[in-house]
PDB file of all heavy atoms in Angstrom:
ATOM      1  N   LEU A   1     104.504 119.741  94.876  1.00  0.00           N
ATOM      2  CA  LEU A   1     105.342 118.863  93.964  1.00  0.00           C
ATOM      3  C   LEU A   1     105.291 117.410  94.262  1.00  0.00           C
ATOM      4  O   LEU A   1     105.703 116.623  93.446  1.00  0.00           O
ATOM      5  CB  LEU A   1     106.842 119.340  94.107  1.00  0.00           C
ATOM      6  CG  LEU A   1     107.060 120.821  93.659  1.00  0.00           C
ATOM      7  CD1 LEU A   1     108.534 121.100  93.800  1.00  0.00           C
ATOM      8  CD2 LEU A   1     106.597 121.194  92.294  1.00  0.00           C
ATOM      9  N   TYR A   2     104.589 117.067  95.421  1.00  0.00           N
ATOM     10  CA  TYR A   2     104.689 115.600  95.751  1.00  0.00           C
ATOM     11  C   TYR A   2     103.599 114.903  95.044  1.00  0.00           C
ATOM     12  O   TYR A   2     102.460 115.372  94.899  1.00  0.00           O
ATOM     13  CB  TYR A   2     104.426 115.437  97.308  1.00  0.00           C
ATOM     14  CG  TYR A   2     105.705 115.864  98.107  1.00  0.00           C
ATOM     15  CD1 TYR A   2     106.110 117.100  98.327  1.00  0.00           C
ATOM     16  CD2 TYR A   2     106.464 114.765  98.594  1.00  0.00           C
ATOM     17  CE1 TYR A   2     107.284 117.410  99.033  1.00  0.00           C
ATOM     18  CE2 TYR A   2     107.606 115.037  99.359  1.00  0.00           C
ATOM     19  CZ  TYR A   2     107.897 116.484  99.623  1.00  0.00           C
ATOM     20  OH  TYR A   2     109.127 116.582 100.297  1.00  0.00           O
ATOM     21  N   THR A   3     103.787 113.528  94.763  1.00  0.00           N
ATOM     22  CA  THR A   3     102.832 112.583  94.398  1.00  0.00           C
ATOM     23  C   THR A   3     102.293 112.015  95.766  1.00  0.00           C
ATOM     24  O   THR A   3     103.157 111.561  96.610  1.00  0.00           O
ATOM     25  CB  THR A   3     103.367 111.436  93.469  1.00  0.00           C
ATOM     26  OG1 THR A   3     103.689 112.018  92.302  1.00  0.00           O
ATOM     27  CG2 THR A   3     102.295 110.305  93.364  1.00  0.00           C
ATOM     28  N   LEU A   4     101.005 112.009  95.993  1.00  0.00           N
ATOM     29  CA  LEU A   4     100.458 111.646  97.181  1.00  0.00           C
ATOM     30  C   LEU A   4      99.633 110.348  96.982  1.00  0.00           C
ATOM     31  O   LEU A   4      98.968 110.208  96.009  1.00  0.00           O
ATOM     32  CB  LEU A   4      99.621 112.666  97.846  1.00  0.00           C
ATOM     33  CG  LEU A   4     100.290 113.956  97.960  1.00  0.00           C
ATOM     34  CD1 LEU A   4      99.291 115.068  98.349  1.00  0.00           C
ATOM     35  CD2 LEU A   4     101.339 113.921  99.051  1.00  0.00           C
ATOM     36  N   GLY A   5      99.644 109.372  98.009  1.00  0.00           N
ATOM     37  CA  GLY A   5      99.025 108.162  97.820  1.00  0.00           C
ATOM     38  C   GLY A   5      98.374 107.650  99.183  1.00  0.00           C
ATOM     39  O   GLY A   5      98.843 108.087 100.244  1.00  0.00           O
ATOM     40  N   TRP A   6      97.387 106.744  98.976  1.00  0.00           N
ATOM     41  CA  TRP A   6      96.855 106.051 100.202  1.00  0.00           C
ATOM     42  C   TRP A   6      97.081 104.643  99.845  1.00  0.00           C
ATOM     43  O   TRP A   6      96.808 104.126  98.748  1.00  0.00           O
ATOM     44  CB  TRP A   6      95.344 106.433 100.224  1.00  0.00           C
ATOM     45  CG  TRP A   6      95.058 107.679 100.936  1.00  0.00           C
ATOM     46  CD1 TRP A   6      94.708 108.786 100.231  1.00  0.00           C
ATOM     47  CD2 TRP A   6      95.041 108.074 102.324  1.00  0.00           C
ATOM     48  NE1 TRP A   6      94.479 109.888 101.118  1.00  0.00           N
ATOM     49  CE2 TRP A   6      94.715 109.383 102.413  1.00  0.00           C
ATOM     50  CE3 TRP A   6      95.296 107.320 103.473  1.00  0.00           C
ATOM     51  CZ2 TRP A   6      94.691 110.036 103.612  1.00  0.00           C
ATOM     52  CZ3 TRP A   6      95.232 108.052 104.621  1.00  0.00           C
ATOM     53  CH2 TRP A   6      94.917 109.357 104.789  1.00  0.00           C
ATOM     54  N   TYR A   7      97.667 103.868 100.861  1.00  0.00           N
ATOM     55  CA  TYR A   7      97.857 102.524 100.745  1.00  0.00           C
ATOM     56  C   TYR A   7      97.044 101.848 101.823  1.00  0.00           C
ATOM     57  O   TYR A   7      96.729 102.527 102.888  1.00  0.00           O
ATOM     58  CB  TYR A   7      99.360 102.154 100.929  1.00  0.00           C
ATOM     59  CG  TYR A   7     100.188 102.567  99.729  1.00  0.00           C
ATOM     60  CD1 TYR A   7     100.407 103.946  99.352  1.00  0.00           C
ATOM     61  CD2 TYR A   7     100.590 101.668  98.746  1.00  0.00           C
ATOM     62  CE1 TYR A   7     101.157 104.329  98.278  1.00  0.00           C
ATOM     63  CE2 TYR A   7     101.440 102.015  97.669  1.00  0.00           C
ATOM     64  CZ  TYR A   7     101.694 103.392  97.411  1.00  0.00           C
ATOM     65  OH  TYR A   7     102.362 103.799  96.317  1.00  0.00           O
ATOM     66  N   ARG A   8      96.828 100.503 101.846  1.00  0.00           N
ATOM     67  CA  ARG A   8      96.315  99.905 102.924  1.00  0.00           C
ATOM     68  C   ARG A   8      97.058  98.423 103.141  1.00  0.00           C
ATOM     69  O   ARG A   8      97.438  97.928 102.171  1.00  0.00           O
ATOM     70  CB  ARG A   8      94.833  99.808 102.769  1.00  0.00           C
ATOM     71  CG  ARG A   8      94.311  98.782 101.634  1.00  0.00           C
ATOM     72  CD  ARG A   8      92.792  98.990 101.445  1.00  0.00           C
ATOM     73  NE  ARG A   8      92.400  98.035 100.441  1.00  0.00           N
ATOM     74  CZ  ARG A   8      91.066  98.028  99.935  1.00  0.00           C
ATOM     75  NH1 ARG A   8      90.230  98.780 100.505  1.00  0.00           N
ATOM     76  NH2 ARG A   8      90.779  97.234  99.046  1.00  0.00           N
ATOM     77  N   GLN A   9      96.852  97.993 104.357  1.00  0.00           N
ATOM     78  CA  GLN A   9      97.326  96.677 104.712  1.00  0.00           C
ATOM     79  C   GLN A   9      96.480  95.929 105.655  1.00  0.00           C
ATOM     80  O   GLN A   9      96.274  96.500 106.732  1.00  0.00           O
ATOM     81  CB  GLN A   9      98.783  96.781 105.320  1.00  0.00           C
ATOM     82  CG  GLN A   9      99.444  95.381 105.507  1.00  0.00           C
ATOM     83  CD  GLN A   9     101.000  95.590 105.776  1.00  0.00           C
ATOM     84  OE1 GLN A   9     101.474  96.670 106.142  1.00  0.00           O
ATOM     85  NE2 GLN A   9     101.679  94.506 105.547  1.00  0.00           N
ATOM     86  N   ALA A  10      95.894  94.873 105.118  1.00  0.00           N
ATOM     87  CA  ALA A  10      94.997  94.076 106.020  1.00  0.00           C
ATOM     88  C   ALA A  10      95.858  92.984 106.664  1.00  0.00           C
ATOM     89  O   ALA A  10      97.015  92.603 106.177  1.00  0.00           O
ATOM     90  CB  ALA A  10      93.950  93.419 105.136  1.00  0.00           C
ATOM     91  N   PRO A  11      95.422  92.470 107.773  1.00  0.00           N
ATOM     92  CA  PRO A  11      96.184  91.317 108.532  1.00  0.00           C
ATOM     93  C   PRO A  11      96.527  90.225 107.566  1.00  0.00           C
ATOM     94  O   PRO A  11      95.552  89.670 106.793  1.00  0.00           O
ATOM     95  CB  PRO A  11      95.212  90.974 109.527  1.00  0.00           C
ATOM     96  CG  PRO A  11      94.321  92.113 109.794  1.00  0.00           C
ATOM     97  CD  PRO A  11      94.203  92.731 108.462  1.00  0.00           C
ATOM     98  N   GLY A  12      97.787  89.880 107.610  1.00  0.00           N
ATOM     99  CA  GLY A  12      98.327  88.800 106.825  1.00  0.00           C
ATOM    100  C   GLY A  12      98.393  88.969 105.307  1.00  0.00           C
ATOM    101  O   GLY A  12      98.773  88.099 104.517  1.00  0.00           O
ATOM    102  N   LYS A  13      98.213  90.304 104.888  1.00  0.00           N
ATOM    103  CA  LYS A  13      98.325  90.616 103.511  1.00  0.00           C
ATOM    104  C   LYS A  13      99.445  91.750 103.285  1.00  0.00           C
ATOM    105  O   LYS A  13      99.805  92.414 104.302  1.00  0.00           O
ATOM    106  CB  LYS A  13      97.080  91.084 102.997  1.00  0.00           C
ATOM    107  CG  LYS A  13      95.970  90.036 102.976  1.00  0.00           C
ATOM    108  CD  LYS A  13      94.730  90.536 102.266  1.00  0.00           C
ATOM    109  CE  LYS A  13      93.697  89.433 102.083  1.00  0.00           C
ATOM    110  NZ  LYS A  13      92.447  89.943 101.395  1.00  0.00           N
ATOM    111  N   GLN A  14      99.890  91.747 102.025  1.00  0.00           N
ATOM    112  CA  GLN A  14     100.831  92.771 101.710  1.00  0.00           C
ATOM    113  C   GLN A  14     100.180  94.117 101.587  1.00  0.00           C
ATOM    114  O   GLN A  14      99.018  94.317 101.346  1.00  0.00           O
ATOM    115  CB  GLN A  14     101.523  92.562 100.423  1.00  0.00           C
ATOM    116  CG  GLN A  14     102.489  91.230 100.428  1.00  0.00           C
ATOM    117  CD  GLN A  14     103.340  91.081  99.217  1.00  0.00           C
ATOM    118  OE1 GLN A  14     102.909  91.433  98.112  1.00  0.00           O
ATOM    119  NE2 GLN A  14     104.537  90.633  99.373  1.00  0.00           N
ATOM    120  N   ARG A  15     101.056  95.235 101.841  1.00  0.00           N
ATOM    121  CA  ARG A  15     100.417  96.529 101.732  1.00  0.00           C
ATOM    122  C   ARG A  15     100.147  96.788 100.204  1.00  0.00           C
ATOM    123  O   ARG A  15     101.004  96.361  99.333  1.00  0.00           O
ATOM    124  CB  ARG A  15     101.639  97.606 102.120  1.00  0.00           C
ATOM    125  CG  ARG A  15     100.961  99.019 102.264  1.00  0.00           C
ATOM    126  CD  ARG A  15     102.021  99.856 102.871  1.00  0.00           C
ATOM    127  NE  ARG A  15     102.346  99.542 104.329  1.00  0.00           N
ATOM    128  CZ  ARG A  15     103.085 100.248 105.124  1.00  0.00           C
ATOM    129  NH1 ARG A  15     103.524 101.409 104.682  1.00  0.00           N
ATOM    130  NH2 ARG A  15     103.295  99.921 106.284  1.00  0.00           N
ATOM    131  N   GLU A  16      99.017  97.499  99.897  1.00  0.00           N
ATOM    132  CA  GLU A  16      98.734  97.664  98.453  1.00  0.00           C
ATOM    133  C   GLU A  16      98.153  99.056  98.253  1.00  0.00           C
ATOM    134  O   GLU A  16      97.756  99.820  99.124  1.00  0.00           O
ATOM    135  CB  GLU A  16      97.487  96.770  98.106  1.00  0.00           C
ATOM    136  CG  GLU A  16      96.139  96.932  98.967  1.00  0.00           C
ATOM    137  CD  GLU A  16      95.092  96.115  98.475  1.00  0.00           C
ATOM    138  OE1 GLU A  16      95.206  95.363  97.446  1.00  0.00           O
ATOM    139  OE2 GLU A  16      93.960  96.244  99.011  1.00  0.00           O
ATOM    140  N   LEU A  17      98.426  99.556  97.018  1.00  0.00           N
ATOM    141  CA  LEU A  17      98.085 100.923  96.646  1.00  0.00           C
ATOM    142  C   LEU A  17      96.519 100.918  96.650  1.00  0.00           C
ATOM    143  O   LEU A  17      95.834 100.086  95.985  1.00  0.00           O
ATOM    144  CB  LEU A  17      98.665 101.313  95.284  1.00  0.00           C
ATOM    145  CG  LEU A  17      98.195 102.623  94.658  1.00  0.00           C
ATOM    146  CD1 LEU A  17      98.634 103.745  95.517  1.00  0.00           C
ATOM    147  CD2 LEU A  17      98.597 102.752  93.293  1.00  0.00           C
ATOM    148  N   VAL A  18      95.882 101.992  97.218  1.00  0.00           N
ATOM    149  CA  VAL A  18      94.496 102.121  97.099  1.00  0.00           C
ATOM    150  C   VAL A  18      94.253 103.269  96.015  1.00  0.00           C
ATOM    151  O   VAL A  18      93.490 103.191  95.196  1.00  0.00           O
ATOM    152  CB  VAL A  18      93.864 102.651  98.411  1.00  0.00           C
ATOM    153  CG1 VAL A  18      92.412 103.004  98.297  1.00  0.00           C
ATOM    154  CG2 VAL A  18      94.109 101.589  99.490  1.00  0.00           C
ATOM    155  N   ALA A  19      94.860 104.386  96.206  1.00  0.00           N
ATOM    156  CA  ALA A  19      94.721 105.507  95.254  1.00  0.00           C
ATOM    157  C   ALA A  19      95.897 106.459  95.275  1.00  0.00           C
ATOM    158  O   ALA A  19      96.561 106.526  96.373  1.00  0.00           O
ATOM    159  CB  ALA A  19      93.410 106.383  95.679  1.00  0.00           C
ATOM    160  N   ARG A  20      96.096 107.151  94.200  1.00  0.00           N
ATOM    161  CA  ARG A  20      97.284 108.025  94.129  1.00  0.00           C
ATOM    162  C   ARG A  20      96.805 109.330  93.365  1.00  0.00           C
ATOM    163  O   ARG A  20      96.064 109.235  92.410  1.00  0.00           O
ATOM    164  CB  ARG A  20      98.414 107.341  93.408  1.00  0.00           C
ATOM    165  CG  ARG A  20      99.778 108.163  93.339  1.00  0.00           C
ATOM    166  CD  ARG A  20     101.015 107.070  93.166  1.00  0.00           C
ATOM    167  NE  ARG A  20     100.588 106.216  91.937  1.00  0.00           N
ATOM    168  CZ  ARG A  20     101.117 105.050  91.794  1.00  0.00           C
ATOM    169  NH1 ARG A  20     101.936 104.526  92.824  1.00  0.00           N
ATOM    170  NH2 ARG A  20     100.888 104.361  90.800  1.00  0.00           N
ATOM    171  N   ILE A  21      97.468 110.437  93.674  1.00  0.00           N
ATOM    172  CA  ILE A  21      97.196 111.681  92.991  1.00  0.00           C
ATOM    173  C   ILE A  21      98.399 112.400  92.751  1.00  0.00           C
ATOM    174  O   ILE A  21      99.293 112.585  93.740  1.00  0.00           O
ATOM    175  CB  ILE A  21      96.200 112.582  93.757  1.00  0.00           C
ATOM    176  CG1 ILE A  21      95.811 113.883  92.999  1.00  0.00           C
ATOM    177  CG2 ILE A  21      96.698 112.879  95.154  1.00  0.00           C
ATOM    178  CD1 ILE A  21      94.610 114.512  93.602  1.00  0.00           C
ATOM    179  N   ALA A  22      98.704 112.680  91.551  1.00  0.00           N
ATOM    180  CA  ALA A  22      99.966 113.319  91.177  1.00  0.00           C
ATOM    181  C   ALA A  22      99.792 114.932  91.203  1.00  0.00           C
ATOM    182  O   ALA A  22      98.820 115.409  91.698  1.00  0.00           O
ATOM    183  CB  ALA A  22     100.310 113.061  89.705  1.00  0.00           C
ATOM    184  N   ARG A  23     101.015 115.547  91.097  1.00  0.00           N
ATOM    185  CA  ARG A  23     100.936 116.970  91.347  1.00  0.00           C
ATOM    186  C   ARG A  23     100.139 117.690  90.301  1.00  0.00           C
ATOM    187  O   ARG A  23      99.752 118.846  90.567  1.00  0.00           O
ATOM    188  CB  ARG A  23     102.392 117.539  91.260  1.00  0.00           C
ATOM    189  CG  ARG A  23     103.235 117.316  90.044  1.00  0.00           C
ATOM    190  CD  ARG A  23     104.669 117.842  90.244  1.00  0.00           C
ATOM    191  NE  ARG A  23     105.422 117.759  89.073  1.00  0.00           N
ATOM    192  CZ  ARG A  23     106.700 118.142  88.991  1.00  0.00           C
ATOM    193  NH1 ARG A  23     107.337 118.582  90.099  1.00  0.00           N
ATOM    194  NH2 ARG A  23     107.382 118.196  87.847  1.00  0.00           N
ATOM    195  N   ASP A  24      99.892 117.049  89.057  1.00  0.00           N
ATOM    196  CA  ASP A  24      98.985 117.667  88.156  1.00  0.00           C
ATOM    197  C   ASP A  24      97.548 117.307  88.531  1.00  0.00           C
ATOM    198  O   ASP A  24      96.724 117.544  87.667  1.00  0.00           O
ATOM    199  CB  ASP A  24      99.222 117.252  86.728  1.00  0.00           C
ATOM    200  CG  ASP A  24      99.183 115.798  86.460  1.00  0.00           C
ATOM    201  OD1 ASP A  24      98.850 114.942  87.431  1.00  0.00           O
ATOM    202  OD2 ASP A  24      99.551 115.355  85.366  1.00  0.00           O
ATOM    203  N   THR A  25      97.320 116.590  89.565  1.00  0.00           N
ATOM    204  CA  THR A  25      95.938 116.221  90.041  1.00  0.00           C
ATOM    205  C   THR A  25      95.366 114.854  89.335  1.00  0.00           C
ATOM    206  O   THR A  25      94.236 114.586  89.477  1.00  0.00           O
ATOM    207  CB  THR A  25      94.850 117.243  90.160  1.00  0.00           C
ATOM    208  OG1 THR A  25      94.557 117.658  88.831  1.00  0.00           O
ATOM    209  CG2 THR A  25      95.443 118.413  90.905  1.00  0.00           C
ATOM    210  N   SER A  26      96.256 114.309  88.352  1.00  0.00           N
ATOM    211  CA  SER A  26      95.768 113.100  87.730  1.00  0.00           C
ATOM    212  C   SER A  26      95.715 111.991  88.928  1.00  0.00           C
ATOM    213  O   SER A  26      96.555 112.062  89.821  1.00  0.00           O
ATOM    214  CB  SER A  26      96.682 112.684  86.669  1.00  0.00           C
ATOM    215  OG  SER A  26      97.962 112.476  87.123  1.00  0.00           O
ATOM    216  N   THR A  27      94.790 111.109  88.749  1.00  0.00           N
ATOM    217  CA  THR A  27      94.619 110.030  89.689  1.00  0.00           C
ATOM    218  C   THR A  27      94.560 108.698  89.241  1.00  0.00           C
ATOM    219  O   THR A  27      94.308 108.497  87.940  1.00  0.00           O
ATOM    220  CB  THR A  27      93.314 110.384  90.443  1.00  0.00           C
ATOM    221  OG1 THR A  27      92.110 110.252  89.530  1.00  0.00           O
ATOM    222  CG2 THR A  27      93.220 111.647  91.172  1.00  0.00           C
ATOM    223  N   ASN A  28      94.827 107.730  89.983  1.00  0.00           N
ATOM    224  CA  ASN A  28      94.609 106.426  89.726  1.00  0.00           C
ATOM    225  C   ASN A  28      94.204 105.625  90.964  1.00  0.00           C
ATOM    226  O   ASN A  28      94.548 106.066  91.996  1.00  0.00           O
ATOM    227  CB  ASN A  28      95.850 105.631  88.978  1.00  0.00           C
ATOM    228  CG  ASN A  28      97.101 105.612  89.766  1.00  0.00           C
ATOM    229  OD1 ASN A  28      97.599 106.712  90.037  1.00  0.00           O
ATOM    230  ND2 ASN A  28      97.414 104.468  90.403  1.00  0.00           N
ATOM    231  N   TYR A  29      93.453 104.459  90.699  1.00  0.00           N
ATOM    232  CA  TYR A  29      92.802 103.700  91.809  1.00  0.00           C
ATOM    233  C   TYR A  29      93.013 102.257  91.559  1.00  0.00           C
ATOM    234  O   TYR A  29      93.027 101.782  90.427  1.00  0.00           O
ATOM    235  CB  TYR A  29      91.314 104.074  91.785  1.00  0.00           C
ATOM    236  CG  TYR A  29      90.903 105.469  92.116  1.00  0.00           C
ATOM    237  CD1 TYR A  29      90.858 106.435  91.081  1.00  0.00           C
ATOM    238  CD2 TYR A  29      90.794 105.938  93.414  1.00  0.00           C
ATOM    239  CE1 TYR A  29      90.526 107.802  91.391  1.00  0.00           C
ATOM    240  CE2 TYR A  29      90.501 107.324  93.709  1.00  0.00           C
ATOM    241  CZ  TYR A  29      90.271 108.082  92.656  1.00  0.00           C
ATOM    242  OH  TYR A  29      89.928 109.458  92.988  1.00  0.00           O
ATOM    243  N   ALA A  30      92.975 101.530  92.620  1.00  0.00           N
ATOM    244  CA  ALA A  30      92.905 100.229  92.667  1.00  0.00           C
ATOM    245  C   ALA A  30      91.560  99.645  92.031  1.00  0.00           C
ATOM    246  O   ALA A  30      90.469 100.427  92.336  1.00  0.00           O
ATOM    247  CB  ALA A  30      93.120  99.507  94.017  1.00  0.00           C
ATOM    248  N   ASP A  31      91.488  98.674  91.210  1.00  0.00           N
ATOM    249  CA  ASP A  31      90.220  98.250  90.726  1.00  0.00           C
ATOM    250  C   ASP A  31      89.186  97.991  91.802  1.00  0.00           C
ATOM    251  O   ASP A  31      87.967  98.349  91.591  1.00  0.00           O
ATOM    252  CB  ASP A  31      90.401  97.049  89.839  1.00  0.00           C
ATOM    253  CG  ASP A  31      91.288  97.160  88.621  1.00  0.00           C
ATOM    254  OD1 ASP A  31      91.305  98.392  88.202  1.00  0.00           O
ATOM    255  OD2 ASP A  31      91.741  96.257  88.063  1.00  0.00           O
ATOM    256  N   SER A  32      89.674  97.527  92.879  1.00  0.00           N
ATOM    257  CA  SER A  32      88.706  97.134  93.985  1.00  0.00           C
ATOM    258  C   SER A  32      87.862  98.424  94.582  1.00  0.00           C
ATOM    259  O   SER A  32      86.948  98.210  95.307  1.00  0.00           O
ATOM    260  CB  SER A  32      89.427  96.311  95.033  1.00  0.00           C
ATOM    261  OG  SER A  32      90.444  97.152  95.618  1.00  0.00           O
ATOM    262  N   VAL A  33      88.449  99.544  94.388  1.00  0.00           N
ATOM    263  CA  VAL A  33      87.874 100.751  94.945  1.00  0.00           C
ATOM    264  C   VAL A  33      87.315 101.725  93.978  1.00  0.00           C
ATOM    265  O   VAL A  33      86.714 102.699  94.341  1.00  0.00           O
ATOM    266  CB  VAL A  33      88.841 101.526  95.929  1.00  0.00           C
ATOM    267  CG1 VAL A  33      89.360 100.581  96.916  1.00  0.00           C
ATOM    268  CG2 VAL A  33      89.856 102.143  95.226  1.00  0.00           C
ATOM    269  N   LYS A  34      87.519 101.476  92.685  1.00  0.00           N
ATOM    270  CA  LYS A  34      86.991 102.439  91.626  1.00  0.00           C
ATOM    271  C   LYS A  34      85.519 102.625  91.770  1.00  0.00           C
ATOM    272  O   LYS A  34      84.792 101.694  91.948  1.00  0.00           O
ATOM    273  CB  LYS A  34      87.467 101.911  90.227  1.00  0.00           C
ATOM    274  CG  LYS A  34      88.821 102.120  89.888  1.00  0.00           C
ATOM    275  CD  LYS A  34      89.080 101.561  88.518  1.00  0.00           C
ATOM    276  CE  LYS A  34      90.499 101.749  88.162  1.00  0.00           C
ATOM    277  NZ  LYS A  34      90.936 101.149  86.807  1.00  0.00           N
ATOM    278  N   GLY A  35      85.104 103.881  91.728  1.00  0.00           N
ATOM    279  CA  GLY A  35      83.760 104.245  91.884  1.00  0.00           C
ATOM    280  C   GLY A  35      83.242 104.484  93.291  1.00  0.00           C
ATOM    281  O   GLY A  35      82.110 104.845  93.454  1.00  0.00           O
ATOM    282  N   ARG A  36      84.057 104.036  94.275  1.00  0.00           N
ATOM    283  CA  ARG A  36      83.704 104.143  95.565  1.00  0.00           C
ATOM    284  C   ARG A  36      84.495 105.090  96.368  1.00  0.00           C
ATOM    285  O   ARG A  36      84.029 105.817  97.278  1.00  0.00           O
ATOM    286  CB  ARG A  36      83.675 102.762  96.279  1.00  0.00           C
ATOM    287  CG  ARG A  36      82.832 101.752  95.679  1.00  0.00           C
ATOM    288  CD  ARG A  36      82.732 100.348  96.457  1.00  0.00           C
ATOM    289  NE  ARG A  36      84.082  99.819  96.648  1.00  0.00           N
ATOM    290  CZ  ARG A  36      84.732  99.602  97.706  1.00  0.00           C
ATOM    291  NH1 ARG A  36      84.139  99.941  98.921  1.00  0.00           N
ATOM    292  NH2 ARG A  36      85.849  98.883  97.836  1.00  0.00           N
ATOM    293  N   PHE A  37      85.835 105.228  96.100  1.00  0.00           N
ATOM    294  CA  PHE A  37      86.751 105.980  96.767  1.00  0.00           C
ATOM    295  C   PHE A  37      87.128 107.144  95.910  1.00  0.00           C
ATOM    296  O   PHE A  37      87.342 107.138  94.597  1.00  0.00           O
ATOM    297  CB  PHE A  37      87.937 105.190  97.162  1.00  0.00           C
ATOM    298  CG  PHE A  37      87.745 104.180  98.225  1.00  0.00           C
ATOM    299  CD1 PHE A  37      86.459 103.863  98.663  1.00  0.00           C
ATOM    300  CD2 PHE A  37      88.911 103.549  98.834  1.00  0.00           C
ATOM    301  CE1 PHE A  37      86.348 102.814  99.588  1.00  0.00           C
ATOM    302  CE2 PHE A  37      88.765 102.655  99.742  1.00  0.00           C
ATOM    303  CZ  PHE A  37      87.425 102.171 100.154  1.00  0.00           C
ATOM    304  N   THR A  38      87.430 108.336  96.529  1.00  0.00           N
ATOM    305  CA  THR A  38      87.879 109.551  95.810  1.00  0.00           C
ATOM    306  C   THR A  38      89.126 110.107  96.482  1.00  0.00           C
ATOM    307  O   THR A  38      88.930 110.413  97.792  1.00  0.00           O
ATOM    308  CB  THR A  38      86.769 110.567  95.663  1.00  0.00           C
ATOM    309  OG1 THR A  38      85.684 109.964  94.934  1.00  0.00           O
ATOM    310  CG2 THR A  38      87.286 111.762  94.826  1.00  0.00           C
ATOM    311  N   ILE A  39      90.220 110.266  95.902  1.00  0.00           N
ATOM    312  CA  ILE A  39      91.386 110.888  96.458  1.00  0.00           C
ATOM    313  C   ILE A  39      91.436 112.371  96.006  1.00  0.00           C
ATOM    314  O   ILE A  39      91.092 112.699  94.776  1.00  0.00           O
ATOM    315  CB  ILE A  39      92.662 110.190  96.083  1.00  0.00           C
ATOM    316  CG1 ILE A  39      93.881 110.763  96.926  1.00  0.00           C
ATOM    317  CG2 ILE A  39      92.964 110.200  94.578  1.00  0.00           C
ATOM    318  CD1 ILE A  39      95.080 110.007  96.836  1.00  0.00           C
ATOM    319  N   SER A  40      91.720 113.307  96.873  1.00  0.00           N
ATOM    320  CA  SER A  40      91.831 114.618  96.492  1.00  0.00           C
ATOM    321  C   SER A  40      92.975 115.303  97.372  1.00  0.00           C
ATOM    322  O   SER A  40      93.476 114.726  98.297  1.00  0.00           O
ATOM    323  CB  SER A  40      90.542 115.351  96.684  1.00  0.00           C
ATOM    324  OG  SER A  40      90.188 115.412  98.122  1.00  0.00           O
ATOM    325  N   ARG A  41      93.377 116.448  96.929  1.00  0.00           N
ATOM    326  CA  ARG A  41      94.468 117.164  97.636  1.00  0.00           C
ATOM    327  C   ARG A  41      94.074 118.659  97.728  1.00  0.00           C
ATOM    328  O   ARG A  41      93.510 119.254  96.852  1.00  0.00           O
ATOM    329  CB  ARG A  41      95.843 116.925  96.910  1.00  0.00           C
ATOM    330  CG  ARG A  41      95.982 117.576  95.569  1.00  0.00           C
ATOM    331  CD  ARG A  41      97.129 117.082  94.904  1.00  0.00           C
ATOM    332  NE  ARG A  41      98.412 117.634  95.623  1.00  0.00           N
ATOM    333  CZ  ARG A  41      99.659 117.001  95.379  1.00  0.00           C
ATOM    334  NH1 ARG A  41      99.737 115.940  94.519  1.00  0.00           N
ATOM    335  NH2 ARG A  41     100.660 117.508  95.901  1.00  0.00           N
ATOM    336  N   ASP A  42      94.602 119.288  98.898  1.00  0.00           N
ATOM    337  CA  ASP A  42      94.419 120.739  99.094  1.00  0.00           C
ATOM    338  C   ASP A  42      95.876 121.241  99.309  1.00  0.00           C
ATOM    339  O   ASP A  42      96.362 121.081 100.462  1.00  0.00           O
ATOM    340  CB  ASP A  42      93.445 120.965 100.152  1.00  0.00           C
ATOM    341  CG  ASP A  42      93.244 122.540 100.401  1.00  0.00           C
ATOM    342  OD1 ASP A  42      94.018 123.292  99.893  1.00  0.00           O
ATOM    343  OD2 ASP A  42      92.184 122.853 100.994  1.00  0.00           O
ATOM    344  N   ASN A  43      96.496 121.842  98.320  1.00  0.00           N
ATOM    345  CA  ASN A  43      97.926 122.058  98.517  1.00  0.00           C
ATOM    346  C   ASN A  43      97.965 123.400  99.488  1.00  0.00           C
ATOM    347  O   ASN A  43      99.071 123.509 100.099  1.00  0.00           O
ATOM    348  CB  ASN A  43      98.497 122.542  97.094  1.00  0.00           C
ATOM    349  CG  ASN A  43      98.675 121.277  96.262  1.00  0.00           C
ATOM    350  OD1 ASN A  43      98.750 120.115  96.715  1.00  0.00           O
ATOM    351  ND2 ASN A  43      98.757 121.619  94.968  1.00  0.00           N
ATOM    352  N   ALA A  44      96.939 124.081  99.575  1.00  0.00           N
ATOM    353  CA  ALA A  44      97.102 125.303 100.514  1.00  0.00           C
ATOM    354  C   ALA A  44      97.037 124.753 101.964  1.00  0.00           C
ATOM    355  O   ALA A  44      97.566 125.611 102.905  1.00  0.00           O
ATOM    356  CB  ALA A  44      95.813 126.161 100.317  1.00  0.00           C
ATOM    357  N   LYS A  45      96.440 123.625 102.187  1.00  0.00           N
ATOM    358  CA  LYS A  45      96.426 123.089 103.603  1.00  0.00           C
ATOM    359  C   LYS A  45      97.390 121.913 103.759  1.00  0.00           C
ATOM    360  O   LYS A  45      97.478 121.368 104.793  1.00  0.00           O
ATOM    361  CB  LYS A  45      95.149 122.530 103.891  1.00  0.00           C
ATOM    362  CG  LYS A  45      93.970 123.615 103.856  1.00  0.00           C
ATOM    363  CD  LYS A  45      92.693 123.040 104.285  1.00  0.00           C
ATOM    364  CE  LYS A  45      91.557 124.189 104.420  1.00  0.00           C
ATOM    365  NZ  LYS A  45      90.217 123.613 104.664  1.00  0.00           N
TER     366      LYS A  45
END
């Protein structure tokens, strides 16, 4: 039921969203990582 996300924080910068996956497995990505990063979930694990 959870929406899951990956965020990152570089030194001296604010924490930013990298990628997020909803419970229906729809995803969204930061523009800077589109096409390079993939988020996925395994609910069984």
